[in-house]
Amino acid sequence: MDVRLGVQLKVVEMNDRDTASRAAQLMRPIEQQILMCDSREETLLFACAMLERAKTILEAHLGEDGRRELFIMGNER
């Protein structure tokens, strides 16, 4: 299967209302953590840590090629 197609199939799953609602629910603690940052530097540090964790999660589930393709797709918007 084409890597791009595989990534798109996984992203398409996020389109239904229940999944979007669950994603919002999962984001609440992260939003709380952002509000706890006291400075620009802490906010950037937290963002970098989340980006690194997201990269690890995506690579574990999509593989390195899938992760790279997803980041490329995100940059196309």
C-alpha atoms as a PDB file:
ATOM      1  CA  MET A   1       0.000   0.000   0.000  1.00  0.00           C
ATOM      2  CA  ASP A   2       1.190   3.495  -0.814  1.00  0.00           C
ATOM      3  CA  VAL A   3       2.397   5.188   2.387  1.00  0.00           C
ATOM      4  CA  ARG A   4       0.420   8.340   1.618  1.00  0.00           C
ATOM      5  CA  LEU A   5      -2.798   6.365   1.139  1.00  0.00           C
ATOM      6  CA  GLY A   6      -2.248   4.508   4.409  1.00  0.00           C
ATOM      7  CA  VAL A   7      -1.731   7.784   6.274  1.00  0.00           C
ATOM      8  CA  GLN A   8      -4.799   9.338   4.635  1.00  0.00           C
ATOM      9  CA  LEU A   9      -6.940   6.367   5.637  1.00  0.00           C
ATOM     10  CA  LYS A  10      -5.914   6.813   9.267  1.00  0.00           C
ATOM     11  CA  VAL A  11      -6.540  10.580   9.122  1.00  0.00           C
ATOM     12  CA  VAL A  12      -9.979  10.068   7.532  1.00  0.00           C
ATOM     13  CA  GLU A  13     -11.037   8.183  10.654  1.00  0.00           C
ATOM     14  CA  MET A  14     -10.906  11.529  12.517  1.00  0.00           C
ATOM     15  CA  ASN A  15     -13.786  12.930  10.451  1.00  0.00           C
ATOM     16  CA  ASP A  16     -16.695  11.457  12.360  1.00  0.00           C
ATOM     17  CA  ARG A  17     -18.300  13.407  15.205  1.00  0.00           C
ATOM     18  CA  ASP A  18     -17.576  10.857  17.928  1.00  0.00           C
ATOM     19  CA  THR A  19     -13.887  10.783  17.103  1.00  0.00           C
ATOM     20  CA  ALA A  20     -13.671  14.577  17.044  1.00  0.00           C
ATOM     21  CA  SER A  21     -15.404  14.700  20.418  1.00  0.00           C
ATOM     22  CA  ARG A  22     -12.981  12.138  21.850  1.00  0.00           C
ATOM     23  CA  ALA A  23     -10.016  14.092  20.467  1.00  0.00           C
ATOM     24  CA  ALA A  24     -11.301  17.247  22.188  1.00  0.00           C
ATOM     25  CA  GLN A  25     -11.678  15.309  25.432  1.00  0.00           C
ATOM     26  CA  LEU A  26      -8.104  14.018  25.185  1.00  0.00           C
ATOM     27  CA  MET A  27      -6.817  17.549  24.537  1.00  0.00           C
ATOM     28  CA  ARG A  28      -8.309  19.064  27.709  1.00  0.00           C
ATOM     29  CA  PRO A  29      -5.415  18.053  30.002  1.00  0.00           C
ATOM     30  CA  ILE A  30      -2.917  19.342  27.458  1.00  0.00           C
ATOM     31  CA  GLU A  31      -4.732  22.675  27.266  1.00  0.00           C
ATOM     32  CA  GLN A  32      -4.617  22.849  31.080  1.00  0.00           C
ATOM     33  CA  GLN A  33      -0.869  22.247  30.994  1.00  0.00           C
ATOM     34  CA  ILE A  34      -0.429  25.043  28.454  1.00  0.00           C
ATOM     35  CA  LEU A  35      -2.299  27.412  30.768  1.00  0.00           C
ATOM     36  CA  MET A  36       0.096  26.459  33.577  1.00  0.00           C
ATOM     37  CA  CYS A  37       3.130  27.666  31.609  1.00  0.00           C
ATOM     38  CA  ASP A  38       4.440  30.864  33.194  1.00  0.00           C
ATOM     39  CA  SER A  39       6.485  32.226  30.323  1.00  0.00           C
ATOM     40  CA  ARG A  40       7.019  32.127  26.600  1.00  0.00           C
ATOM     41  CA  GLU A  41      10.055  29.916  27.162  1.00  0.00           C
ATOM     42  CA  GLU A  42       8.077  27.371  29.197  1.00  0.00           C
ATOM     43  CA  THR A  43       5.359  27.306  26.545  1.00  0.00           C
ATOM     44  CA  LEU A  44       7.949  26.684  23.824  1.00  0.00           C
ATOM     45  CA  LEU A  45       9.645  24.012  25.938  1.00  0.00           C
ATOM     46  CA  PHE A  46       6.298  22.281  26.432  1.00  0.00           C
ATOM     47  CA  ALA A  47       5.538  22.523  22.697  1.00  0.00           C
ATOM     48  CA  CYS A  48       8.893  20.961  21.825  1.00  0.00           C
ATOM     49  CA  ALA A  49       8.335  18.136  24.301  1.00  0.00           C
ATOM     50  CA  MET A  50       4.856  17.481  22.854  1.00  0.00           C
ATOM     51  CA  LEU A  51       6.217  17.546  19.306  1.00  0.00           C
ATOM     52  CA  GLU A  52       8.881  14.995  20.182  1.00  0.00           C
ATOM     53  CA  ARG A  53       6.292  12.761  21.895  1.00  0.00           C
ATOM     54  CA  ALA A  54       3.904  13.123  18.938  1.00  0.00           C
ATOM     55  CA  LYS A  55       6.711  12.165  16.560  1.00  0.00           C
ATOM     56  CA  THR A  56       7.406   9.036  18.625  1.00  0.00           C
ATOM     57  CA  ILE A  57       3.721   8.044  18.744  1.00  0.00           C
ATOM     58  CA  LEU A  58       3.196   8.629  15.016  1.00  0.00           C
ATOM     59  CA  GLU A  59       6.294   6.675  14.107  1.00  0.00           C
ATOM     60  CA  ALA A  60       5.236   3.774  16.342  1.00  0.00           C
ATOM     61  CA  HIS A  61       1.850   3.532  14.619  1.00  0.00           C
ATOM     62  CA  LEU A  62       2.585   4.692  11.052  1.00  0.00           C
ATOM     63  CA  GLY A  63       6.258   3.827  10.692  1.00  0.00           C
ATOM     64  CA  GLU A  64       8.991   6.310   9.815  1.00  0.00           C
ATOM     65  CA  ASP A  65       7.797   6.772   6.219  1.00  0.00           C
ATOM     66  CA  GLY A  66       4.202   7.288   7.340  1.00  0.00           C
ATOM     67  CA  ARG A  67       5.247   9.841   9.954  1.00  0.00           C
ATOM     68  CA  ARG A  68       7.314  11.762   7.427  1.00  0.00           C
ATOM     69  CA  GLU A  69       4.453  11.719   4.918  1.00  0.00           C
ATOM     70  CA  LEU A  70       2.002  12.991   7.538  1.00  0.00           C
ATOM     71  CA  PHE A  71       4.323  15.894   8.389  1.00  0.00           C
ATOM     72  CA  ILE A  72       4.688  16.676   4.678  1.00  0.00           C
ATOM     73  CA  MET A  73       0.891  16.616   4.264  1.00  0.00           C
ATOM     74  CA  GLY A  74       0.578  19.001   7.214  1.00  0.00           C
ATOM     75  CA  ASN A  75       3.009  21.426   5.627  1.00  0.00           C
ATOM     76  CA  GLU A  76       1.046  21.461   2.356  1.00  0.00           C
ATOM     77  CA  ARG A  77      -1.949  23.213   3.943  1.00  0.00           C
END
